[in-house]
Amino acid sequence: MHVVSSVADVRRIRRELAGSWGLVPTMGFLHAGHLALVERAAAENDHVGVSIFVNPTQFGPAEDLTAYPRDIGRDLELLREAGADLVWTPPVDEVYPPGYQTYVAVEEVTKPLEGAARPTHFRGVATVVAKLFNVFQPDRAYFGQKDAQQVVVIRQMARDLDFPIEIVVCPIVREPDGLAMSSRNIYLTPEQRAAAPALYRALCAARDAWRSGEHDAGRLRQIMAGILAAETLAEVEYVSAADPITLVELEDAAAGALLSLAVRIGRARLIDNVLVGW
């Protein structure tokens, strides 16, 4: 496994290793969800590239950039075992050198949900992913469904900018009690960790209601909000029943509708989602 920090080295190794490439972008502090992406990429491509980069442009001024968990040694061991061929661990000034001034702004799909709470977030995401696509030039790029709006934004960007890359979206990997795996789960105290599965319970309750014939999107939002209201440690930022492509809030939830939510529990801001009818 090659571990490099420069753009030039990534491009050199990419040229030297012929065949198809899958890319897994990460911010490190890897968990089983990340590793499932790497393993899927290894199964579907000749080579796998992984980036580990805590991207400063997607963090707001009051967010956890400096506190974001990091453990590069552990990450590299896990990636070696999972089958990665190339890992890029650039310093910030390799990605954003002095004088950098170019950013990617995806418009309408970045405005609701996460975009409403974190207005500069997706400009940073789209910019760094566009750079990763240019540096690695993969055939396929792998993302987790947990960051559902991010997937929508990246698909839109890839279409609009004609990136010849297949965007592969992989299922959410969950703890046994349903909590979606996230690097930020480490922020939870034992009491908060016990409260966190309320997110998935809320989504499951709404999904079960949809399966039983309740397709009124307002009612589905009420069901999610009601489950979360019963958890005293949960501070709800939003509950949503939206179109899975446009992210516009729905009145009638047809098959494929995206149910999503964001909740603060202590220091941790947790997100989760399900697609109904899938």
C-alpha atoms as a PDB file:
ATOM      1  CA  MET A   1       0.000   0.000   0.000  1.00  0.00           C
ATOM      2  CA  HIS A   2       1.397   3.380  -1.048  1.00  0.00           C
ATOM      3  CA  VAL A   3       0.993   6.263   1.405  1.00  0.00           C
ATOM      4  CA  VAL A   4       1.780   9.658  -0.109  1.00  0.00           C
ATOM      5  CA  SER A   5       1.139  13.312   0.643  1.00  0.00           C
ATOM      6  CA  SER A   6       1.638  15.122  -2.680  1.00  0.00           C
ATOM      7  CA  VAL A   7      -0.574  15.503  -5.736  1.00  0.00           C
ATOM      8  CA  ALA A   8       2.388  14.570  -7.938  1.00  0.00           C
ATOM      9  CA  ASP A   9       2.866  11.228  -6.166  1.00  0.00           C
ATOM     10  CA  VAL A  10      -0.809  10.329  -6.453  1.00  0.00           C
ATOM     11  CA  ARG A  11      -0.734  11.001 -10.173  1.00  0.00           C
ATOM     12  CA  ARG A  12       2.507   9.083 -10.640  1.00  0.00           C
ATOM     13  CA  ILE A  13       1.176   5.966  -8.880  1.00  0.00           C
ATOM     14  CA  ARG A  14      -2.144   6.297 -10.671  1.00  0.00           C
ATOM     15  CA  ARG A  15      -0.264   6.169 -14.003  1.00  0.00           C
ATOM     16  CA  GLU A  16       1.934   3.267 -12.926  1.00  0.00           C
ATOM     17  CA  LEU A  17      -0.913   0.999 -11.794  1.00  0.00           C
ATOM     18  CA  ALA A  18      -2.996   0.223 -14.863  1.00  0.00           C
ATOM     19  CA  GLY A  19      -6.625  -0.833 -14.641  1.00  0.00           C
ATOM     20  CA  SER A  20      -9.780   0.536 -13.081  1.00  0.00           C
ATOM     21  CA  TRP A  21      -9.689   2.659  -9.931  1.00  0.00           C
ATOM     22  CA  GLY A  22     -12.195   3.202  -7.161  1.00  0.00           C
ATOM     23  CA  LEU A  23     -11.902   6.221  -4.859  1.00  0.00           C
ATOM     24  CA  VAL A  24     -13.080   6.448  -1.240  1.00  0.00           C
ATOM     25  CA  PRO A  25     -12.835  10.012   0.127  1.00  0.00           C
ATOM     26  CA  THR A  26     -12.617  10.175   3.950  1.00  0.00           C
ATOM     27  CA  MET A  27     -11.686  12.531   6.765  1.00  0.00           C
ATOM     28  CA  GLY A  28     -10.080   9.671   8.667  1.00  0.00           C
ATOM     29  CA  PHE A  29     -10.811   8.217  12.115  1.00  0.00           C
ATOM     30  CA  LEU A  30     -12.197   5.291  10.198  1.00  0.00           C
ATOM     31  CA  HIS A  31     -14.990   2.967  11.280  1.00  0.00           C
ATOM     32  CA  ALA A  32     -16.747  -0.040   9.755  1.00  0.00           C
ATOM     33  CA  GLY A  33     -18.799   2.182   7.471  1.00  0.00           C
ATOM     34  CA  HIS A  34     -15.672   3.567   5.806  1.00  0.00           C
ATOM     35  CA  LEU A  35     -14.163   0.105   5.538  1.00  0.00           C
ATOM     36  CA  ALA A  36     -17.313  -1.223   3.849  1.00  0.00           C
ATOM     37  CA  LEU A  37     -16.790   1.421   1.143  1.00  0.00           C
ATOM     38  CA  VAL A  38     -13.157   0.367   0.692  1.00  0.00           C
ATOM     39  CA  GLU A  39     -14.093  -3.295   0.489  1.00  0.00           C
ATOM     40  CA  ARG A  40     -16.829  -2.580  -2.053  1.00  0.00           C
ATOM     41  CA  ALA A  41     -14.379  -0.526  -4.105  1.00  0.00           C
ATOM     42  CA  ALA A  42     -11.817  -3.342  -3.946  1.00  0.00           C
ATOM     43  CA  ALA A  43     -14.423  -5.836  -5.170  1.00  0.00           C
ATOM     44  CA  GLU A  44     -15.427  -3.682  -8.142  1.00  0.00           C
ATOM     45  CA  ASN A  45     -12.082  -2.217  -9.289  1.00  0.00           C
ATOM     46  CA  ASP A  46      -8.497  -3.261  -9.963  1.00  0.00           C
ATOM     47  CA  HIS A  47      -7.159  -0.669  -7.514  1.00  0.00           C
ATOM     48  CA  VAL A  48      -8.494   1.418  -4.630  1.00  0.00           C
ATOM     49  CA  GLY A  49      -7.443   4.930  -3.680  1.00  0.00           C
ATOM     50  CA  VAL A  50      -8.396   6.500  -0.354  1.00  0.00           C
ATOM     51  CA  SER A  51      -7.984  10.076   0.798  1.00  0.00           C
ATOM     52  CA  ILE A  52      -7.593  11.035   4.452  1.00  0.00           C
ATOM     53  CA  PHE A  53      -8.026  14.775   4.749  1.00  0.00           C
ATOM     54  CA  VAL A  54      -9.897  16.793   7.369  1.00  0.00           C
ATOM     55  CA  ASN A  55     -11.135  19.443   4.988  1.00  0.00           C
ATOM     56  CA  PRO A  56     -11.168  22.870   6.657  1.00  0.00           C
ATOM     57  CA  THR A  57     -13.398  24.521   4.069  1.00  0.00           C
ATOM     58  CA  GLN A  58     -16.413  22.395   5.003  1.00  0.00           C
ATOM     59  CA  PHE A  59     -16.305  23.418   8.680  1.00  0.00           C
ATOM     60  CA  GLY A  60     -18.055  26.542   9.911  1.00  0.00           C
ATOM     61  CA  PRO A  61     -16.366  28.947  12.362  1.00  0.00           C
ATOM     62  CA  ALA A  62     -18.122  27.419  15.386  1.00  0.00           C
ATOM     63  CA  GLU A  63     -17.666  23.785  14.315  1.00  0.00           C
ATOM     64  CA  ASP A  64     -15.240  21.103  15.481  1.00  0.00           C
ATOM     65  CA  LEU A  65     -12.326  21.385  13.022  1.00  0.00           C
ATOM     66  CA  THR A  66      -9.561  21.388  15.640  1.00  0.00           C
ATOM     67  CA  ALA A  67     -11.310  18.800  17.825  1.00  0.00           C
ATOM     68  CA  TYR A  68     -12.258  16.447  14.966  1.00  0.00           C
ATOM     69  CA  PRO A  69     -10.921  12.982  15.933  1.00  0.00           C
ATOM     70  CA  ARG A  70      -7.753  11.791  14.217  1.00  0.00           C
ATOM     71  CA  ASP A  71      -5.693   8.583  14.369  1.00  0.00           C
ATOM     72  CA  ILE A  72      -3.682   8.218  11.171  1.00  0.00           C
ATOM     73  CA  GLY A  73      -1.663   5.197  12.324  1.00  0.00           C
ATOM     74  CA  ARG A  74      -4.775   3.184  13.112  1.00  0.00           C
ATOM     75  CA  ASP A  75      -6.438   4.339   9.879  1.00  0.00           C
ATOM     76  CA  LEU A  76      -3.528   3.121   7.750  1.00  0.00           C
ATOM     77  CA  GLU A  77      -3.533  -0.311   9.393  1.00  0.00           C
ATOM     78  CA  LEU A  78      -7.271  -0.664   8.771  1.00  0.00           C
ATOM     79  CA  LEU A  79      -6.902   0.425   5.149  1.00  0.00           C
ATOM     80  CA  ARG A  80      -4.071  -2.019   4.555  1.00  0.00           C
ATOM     81  CA  GLU A  81      -6.262  -4.853   5.839  1.00  0.00           C
ATOM     82  CA  ALA A  82      -9.263  -3.667   3.794  1.00  0.00           C
ATOM     83  CA  GLY A  83      -7.340  -3.738   0.513  1.00  0.00           C
ATOM     84  CA  ALA A  84      -6.438  -0.117  -0.277  1.00  0.00           C
ATOM     85  CA  ASP A  85      -3.626   0.357  -2.793  1.00  0.00           C
ATOM     86  CA  LEU A  86      -3.005   4.091  -2.440  1.00  0.00           C
ATOM     87  CA  VAL A  87      -3.700   6.471   0.454  1.00  0.00           C
ATOM     88  CA  TRP A  88      -3.365  10.229   0.052  1.00  0.00           C
ATOM     89  CA  THR A  89      -2.764  12.127   3.305  1.00  0.00           C
ATOM     90  CA  PRO A  90      -2.078  15.688   2.152  1.00  0.00           C
ATOM     91  CA  PRO A  91      -1.302  18.665   4.383  1.00  0.00           C
ATOM     92  CA  VAL A  92      -3.737  21.560   4.073  1.00  0.00           C
ATOM     93  CA  ASP A  93      -1.367  23.640   1.929  1.00  0.00           C
ATOM     94  CA  GLU A  94      -1.120  20.828  -0.630  1.00  0.00           C
ATOM     95  CA  VAL A  95      -4.888  20.982  -1.196  1.00  0.00           C
ATOM     96  CA  TYR A  96      -5.243  24.735  -0.702  1.00  0.00           C
ATOM     97  CA  PRO A  97      -1.863  26.298  -1.523  1.00  0.00           C
ATOM     98  CA  PRO A  98      -1.116  29.975  -0.844  1.00  0.00           C
ATOM     99  CA  GLY A  99      -3.220  32.183  -3.092  1.00  0.00           C
ATOM    100  CA  TYR A 100      -5.957  29.552  -3.530  1.00  0.00           C
ATOM    101  CA  GLN A 101      -9.250  31.187  -4.581  1.00  0.00           C
ATOM    102  CA  THR A 102     -11.356  28.725  -6.588  1.00  0.00           C
ATOM    103  CA  TYR A 103     -14.468  27.051  -5.132  1.00  0.00           C
ATOM    104  CA  VAL A 104     -17.335  24.929  -6.442  1.00  0.00           C
ATOM    105  CA  ALA A 105     -20.840  26.136  -5.590  1.00  0.00           C
ATOM    106  CA  VAL A 106     -23.741  23.759  -6.226  1.00  0.00           C
ATOM    107  CA  GLU A 107     -26.930  25.783  -5.947  1.00  0.00           C
ATOM    108  CA  GLU A 108     -30.469  24.623  -5.080  1.00  0.00           C
ATOM    109  CA  VAL A 109     -29.801  21.195  -3.527  1.00  0.00           C
ATOM    110  CA  THR A 110     -27.371  22.711  -1.012  1.00  0.00           C
ATOM    111  CA  LYS A 111     -29.898  25.159   0.463  1.00  0.00           C
ATOM    112  CA  PRO A 112     -32.236  23.032   2.639  1.00  0.00           C
ATOM    113  CA  LEU A 113     -31.521  20.623   5.509  1.00  0.00           C
ATOM    114  CA  GLU A 114     -27.780  20.585   6.256  1.00  0.00           C
ATOM    115  CA  GLY A 115     -27.283  23.633   4.060  1.00  0.00           C
ATOM    116  CA  ALA A 116     -29.726  25.700   6.106  1.00  0.00           C
ATOM    117  CA  ALA A 117     -27.858  24.859   9.315  1.00  0.00           C
ATOM    118  CA  ARG A 118     -24.361  24.981   7.802  1.00  0.00           C
ATOM    119  CA  PRO A 119     -24.473  27.503   4.931  1.00  0.00           C
ATOM    120  CA  THR A 120     -20.806  27.185   3.849  1.00  0.00           C
ATOM    121  CA  HIS A 121     -20.539  23.423   4.310  1.00  0.00           C
ATOM    122  CA  PHE A 122     -21.359  22.150   0.842  1.00  0.00           C
ATOM    123  CA  ARG A 123     -19.163  24.676  -0.944  1.00  0.00           C
ATOM    124  CA  GLY A 124     -16.270  23.080   0.935  1.00  0.00           C
ATOM    125  CA  VAL A 125     -17.493  19.552   0.231  1.00  0.00           C
ATOM    126  CA  ALA A 126     -18.027  20.135  -3.480  1.00  0.00           C
ATOM    127  CA  THR A 127     -14.666  21.863  -3.838  1.00  0.00           C
ATOM    128  CA  VAL A 128     -12.608  19.179  -2.133  1.00  0.00           C
ATOM    129  CA  VAL A 129     -14.425  16.332  -3.899  1.00  0.00           C
ATOM    130  CA  ALA A 130     -13.900  18.028  -7.271  1.00  0.00           C
ATOM    131  CA  LYS A 131     -10.201  18.268  -6.432  1.00  0.00           C
ATOM    132  CA  LEU A 132     -10.106  14.601  -5.400  1.00  0.00           C
ATOM    133  CA  PHE A 133     -11.759  13.618  -8.660  1.00  0.00           C
ATOM    134  CA  ASN A 134      -9.138  15.588 -10.606  1.00  0.00           C
ATOM    135  CA  VAL A 135      -6.191  14.259  -8.605  1.00  0.00           C
ATOM    136  CA  PHE A 136      -7.178  10.566  -8.586  1.00  0.00           C
ATOM    137  CA  GLN A 137      -9.195  10.453 -11.832  1.00  0.00           C
ATOM    138  CA  PRO A 138     -11.067   7.350 -10.643  1.00  0.00           C
ATOM    139  CA  ASP A 139     -13.549   5.281 -12.606  1.00  0.00           C
ATOM    140  CA  ARG A 140     -15.865   5.057  -9.596  1.00  0.00           C
ATOM    141  CA  ALA A 141     -16.190   6.989  -6.336  1.00  0.00           C
ATOM    142  CA  TYR A 142     -17.807   5.520  -3.227  1.00  0.00           C
ATOM    143  CA  PHE A 143     -19.927   7.370  -0.675  1.00  0.00           C
ATOM    144  CA  GLY A 144     -22.157   6.316   2.200  1.00  0.00           C
ATOM    145  CA  GLN A 145     -25.914   6.874   2.244  1.00  0.00           C
ATOM    146  CA  LYS A 146     -25.662   8.291   5.794  1.00  0.00           C
ATOM    147  CA  ASP A 147     -24.653  11.642   4.302  1.00  0.00           C
ATOM    148  CA  ALA A 148     -27.688  11.647   2.023  1.00  0.00           C
ATOM    149  CA  GLN A 149     -27.609  15.317   1.041  1.00  0.00           C
ATOM    150  CA  GLN A 150     -23.886  15.108   0.347  1.00  0.00           C
ATOM    151  CA  VAL A 151     -24.624  12.287  -2.103  1.00  0.00           C
ATOM    152  CA  VAL A 152     -27.241  14.427  -3.851  1.00  0.00           C
ATOM    153  CA  VAL A 153     -24.808  17.360  -4.069  1.00  0.00           C
ATOM    154  CA  ILE A 154     -21.937  15.250  -5.429  1.00  0.00           C
ATOM    155  CA  ARG A 155     -24.138  13.556  -8.005  1.00  0.00           C
ATOM    156  CA  GLN A 156     -25.375  16.975  -9.154  1.00  0.00           C
ATOM    157  CA  MET A 157     -21.827  18.318  -9.362  1.00  0.00           C
ATOM    158  CA  ALA A 158     -20.578  15.277 -11.273  1.00  0.00           C
ATOM    159  CA  ARG A 159     -23.407  15.627 -13.804  1.00  0.00           C
ATOM    160  CA  ASP A 160     -23.061  19.374 -14.183  1.00  0.00           C
ATOM    161  CA  LEU A 161     -19.262  19.357 -14.568  1.00  0.00           C
ATOM    162  CA  ASP A 162     -19.173  16.217 -16.749  1.00  0.00           C
ATOM    163  CA  PHE A 163     -16.935  14.155 -14.516  1.00  0.00           C
ATOM    164  CA  PRO A 164     -16.671  10.721 -16.198  1.00  0.00           C
ATOM    165  CA  ILE A 165     -17.027   8.977 -12.844  1.00  0.00           C
ATOM    166  CA  GLU A 166     -19.674   6.572 -11.567  1.00  0.00           C
ATOM    167  CA  ILE A 167     -20.959   7.667  -8.149  1.00  0.00           C
ATOM    168  CA  VAL A 168     -21.599   4.537  -6.077  1.00  0.00           C
ATOM    169  CA  VAL A 169     -23.734   4.944  -2.943  1.00  0.00           C
ATOM    170  CA  CYS A 170     -23.432   2.260  -0.271  1.00  0.00           C
ATOM    171  CA  PRO A 171     -25.866   1.404   2.543  1.00  0.00           C
ATOM    172  CA  ILE A 172     -25.559   2.892   6.010  1.00  0.00           C
ATOM    173  CA  VAL A 173     -23.593   0.702   8.423  1.00  0.00           C
ATOM    174  CA  ARG A 174     -25.183   0.673  11.871  1.00  0.00           C
ATOM    175  CA  GLU A 175     -24.351  -0.367  15.393  1.00  0.00           C
ATOM    176  CA  PRO A 176     -26.413  -3.301  16.756  1.00  0.00           C
ATOM    177  CA  ASP A 177     -28.884  -0.845  18.346  1.00  0.00           C
ATOM    178  CA  GLY A 178     -29.390   1.014  15.055  1.00  0.00           C
ATOM    179  CA  LEU A 179     -27.165   4.062  15.568  1.00  0.00           C
ATOM    180  CA  ALA A 180     -25.545   5.025  12.270  1.00  0.00           C
ATOM    181  CA  MET A 181     -21.773   4.740  12.508  1.00  0.00           C
ATOM    182  CA  SER A 182     -19.990   8.090  12.547  1.00  0.00           C
ATOM    183  CA  SER A 183     -16.580   9.346  13.589  1.00  0.00           C
ATOM    184  CA  ARG A 184     -18.375  11.921  15.749  1.00  0.00           C
ATOM    185  CA  ASN A 185     -20.040   9.214  17.859  1.00  0.00           C
ATOM    186  CA  ILE A 186     -16.870   9.294  19.958  1.00  0.00           C
ATOM    187  CA  TYR A 187     -18.106  12.597  21.411  1.00  0.00           C
ATOM    188  CA  LEU A 188     -21.036  10.853  23.141  1.00  0.00           C
ATOM    189  CA  THR A 189     -20.880  10.124  26.866  1.00  0.00           C
ATOM    190  CA  PRO A 190     -22.330   6.756  27.991  1.00  0.00           C
ATOM    191  CA  GLU A 191     -25.641   8.423  28.866  1.00  0.00           C
ATOM    192  CA  GLN A 192     -25.759  10.254  25.545  1.00  0.00           C
ATOM    193  CA  ARG A 193     -24.804   7.102  23.659  1.00  0.00           C
ATOM    194  CA  ALA A 194     -27.788   5.331  25.237  1.00  0.00           C
ATOM    195  CA  ALA A 195     -30.045   8.143  23.983  1.00  0.00           C
ATOM    196  CA  ALA A 196     -28.659   8.278  20.429  1.00  0.00           C
ATOM    197  CA  PRO A 197     -30.614   5.325  18.946  1.00  0.00           C
ATOM    198  CA  ALA A 198     -33.714   7.544  19.218  1.00  0.00           C
ATOM    199  CA  LEU A 199     -32.779   8.874  15.769  1.00  0.00           C
ATOM    200  CA  TYR A 200     -33.152   5.509  14.100  1.00  0.00           C
ATOM    201  CA  ARG A 201     -36.262   4.683  16.146  1.00  0.00           C
ATOM    202  CA  ALA A 202     -37.856   7.876  14.843  1.00  0.00           C
ATOM    203  CA  LEU A 203     -36.983   7.026  11.244  1.00  0.00           C
ATOM    204  CA  CYS A 204     -38.191   3.441  11.622  1.00  0.00           C
ATOM    205  CA  ALA A 205     -41.487   4.575  13.144  1.00  0.00           C
ATOM    206  CA  ALA A 206     -42.135   6.861  10.186  1.00  0.00           C
ATOM    207  CA  ARG A 207     -41.047   4.204   7.699  1.00  0.00           C
ATOM    208  CA  ASP A 208     -43.341   1.648   9.365  1.00  0.00           C
ATOM    209  CA  ALA A 209     -46.222   4.112   9.172  1.00  0.00           C
ATOM    210  CA  TRP A 210     -45.493   4.635   5.456  1.00  0.00           C
ATOM    211  CA  ARG A 211     -45.518   0.880   4.904  1.00  0.00           C
ATOM    212  CA  SER A 212     -48.891   0.736   6.657  1.00  0.00           C
ATOM    213  CA  GLY A 213     -50.320   3.275   4.208  1.00  0.00           C
ATOM    214  CA  GLU A 214     -49.555   6.658   5.795  1.00  0.00           C
ATOM    215  CA  HIS A 215     -48.161   8.670   2.904  1.00  0.00           C
ATOM    216  CA  ASP A 216     -48.963  12.157   4.211  1.00  0.00           C
ATOM    217  CA  ALA A 217     -45.499  13.669   4.545  1.00  0.00           C
ATOM    218  CA  GLY A 218     -46.559  16.096   7.252  1.00  0.00           C
ATOM    219  CA  ARG A 219     -47.797  13.212   9.355  1.00  0.00           C
ATOM    220  CA  LEU A 220     -44.520  11.321   8.823  1.00  0.00           C
ATOM    221  CA  ARG A 221     -42.599  14.373  10.036  1.00  0.00           C
ATOM    222  CA  GLN A 222     -44.865  14.523  13.090  1.00  0.00           C
ATOM    223  CA  ILE A 223     -44.172  10.867  13.881  1.00  0.00           C
ATOM    224  CA  MET A 224     -40.413  11.438  13.790  1.00  0.00           C
ATOM    225  CA  ALA A 225     -40.668  14.597  15.867  1.00  0.00           C
ATOM    226  CA  GLY A 226     -42.825  12.833  18.449  1.00  0.00           C
ATOM    227  CA  ILE A 227     -40.334  10.008  18.972  1.00  0.00           C
ATOM    228  CA  LEU A 228     -37.474  12.476  19.361  1.00  0.00           C
ATOM    229  CA  ALA A 229     -39.456  14.682  21.757  1.00  0.00           C
ATOM    230  CA  ALA A 230     -39.633  11.747  24.167  1.00  0.00           C
ATOM    231  CA  GLU A 231     -35.828  11.695  24.433  1.00  0.00           C
ATOM    232  CA  THR A 232     -34.848  14.457  26.852  1.00  0.00           C
ATOM    233  CA  LEU A 233     -31.215  14.620  25.684  1.00  0.00           C
ATOM    234  CA  ALA A 234     -32.156  15.129  22.021  1.00  0.00           C
ATOM    235  CA  GLU A 235     -32.163  18.681  20.627  1.00  0.00           C
ATOM    236  CA  VAL A 236     -33.843  18.461  17.228  1.00  0.00           C
ATOM    237  CA  GLU A 237     -32.548  20.640  14.390  1.00  0.00           C
ATOM    238  CA  TYR A 238     -34.824  19.293  11.654  1.00  0.00           C
ATOM    239  CA  VAL A 239     -36.997  16.406  10.565  1.00  0.00           C
ATOM    240  CA  SER A 240     -37.675  16.076   6.860  1.00  0.00           C
ATOM    241  CA  ALA A 241     -39.640  14.108   4.300  1.00  0.00           C
ATOM    242  CA  ALA A 242     -38.223  15.258   0.995  1.00  0.00           C
ATOM    243  CA  ASP A 243     -37.822  14.398  -2.658  1.00  0.00           C
ATOM    244  CA  PRO A 244     -34.640  12.282  -2.929  1.00  0.00           C
ATOM    245  CA  ILE A 245     -33.312  14.231  -5.935  1.00  0.00           C
ATOM    246  CA  THR A 246     -34.391  17.840  -5.397  1.00  0.00           C
ATOM    247  CA  LEU A 247     -34.623  17.706  -1.557  1.00  0.00           C
ATOM    248  CA  VAL A 248     -37.830  19.761  -1.727  1.00  0.00           C
ATOM    249  CA  GLU A 249     -40.163  18.962   1.174  1.00  0.00           C
ATOM    250  CA  LEU A 250     -43.066  16.763   0.113  1.00  0.00           C
ATOM    251  CA  GLU A 251     -46.776  16.801   0.814  1.00  0.00           C
ATOM    252  CA  ASP A 252     -47.274  13.222  -0.359  1.00  0.00           C
ATOM    253  CA  ALA A 253     -44.454  10.742   0.234  1.00  0.00           C
ATOM    254  CA  ALA A 254     -44.223   8.369  -2.708  1.00  0.00           C
ATOM    255  CA  ALA A 255     -41.843   5.414  -2.828  1.00  0.00           C
ATOM    256  CA  GLY A 256     -38.260   6.631  -2.678  1.00  0.00           C
ATOM    257  CA  ALA A 257     -38.989   9.629  -0.448  1.00  0.00           C
ATOM    258  CA  LEU A 258     -36.085  10.576   1.801  1.00  0.00           C
ATOM    259  CA  LEU A 259     -36.831  10.727   5.525  1.00  0.00           C
ATOM    260  CA  SER A 260     -33.987  12.462   7.332  1.00  0.00           C
ATOM    261  CA  LEU A 261     -33.186  14.264  10.549  1.00  0.00           C
ATOM    262  CA  ALA A 262     -30.461  16.087  12.432  1.00  0.00           C
ATOM    263  CA  VAL A 263     -30.240  16.021  16.218  1.00  0.00           C
ATOM    264  CA  ARG A 264     -27.754  17.356  18.751  1.00  0.00           C
ATOM    265  CA  ILE A 265     -27.002  15.156  21.720  1.00  0.00           C
ATOM    266  CA  GLY A 266     -24.392  16.797  23.900  1.00  0.00           C
ATOM    267  CA  ARG A 267     -21.378  17.781  21.789  1.00  0.00           C
ATOM    268  CA  ALA A 268     -22.379  15.484  18.941  1.00  0.00           C
ATOM    269  CA  ARG A 269     -24.476  16.593  15.996  1.00  0.00           C
ATOM    270  CA  LEU A 270     -25.942  13.405  14.552  1.00  0.00           C
ATOM    271  CA  ILE A 271     -27.675  12.858  11.210  1.00  0.00           C
ATOM    272  CA  ASP A 272     -29.479   9.843   9.809  1.00  0.00           C
ATOM    273  CA  ASN A 273     -31.958   8.914   7.088  1.00  0.00           C
ATOM    274  CA  VAL A 274     -33.977   6.196   5.393  1.00  0.00           C
ATOM    275  CA  LEU A 275     -35.514   5.939   1.944  1.00  0.00           C
ATOM    276  CA  VAL A 276     -39.103   4.642   2.095  1.00  0.00           C
ATOM    277  CA  GLY A 277     -40.193   1.899  -0.246  1.00  0.00           C
ATOM    278  CA  TRP A 278     -36.671   0.563  -0.725  1.00  0.00           C
END
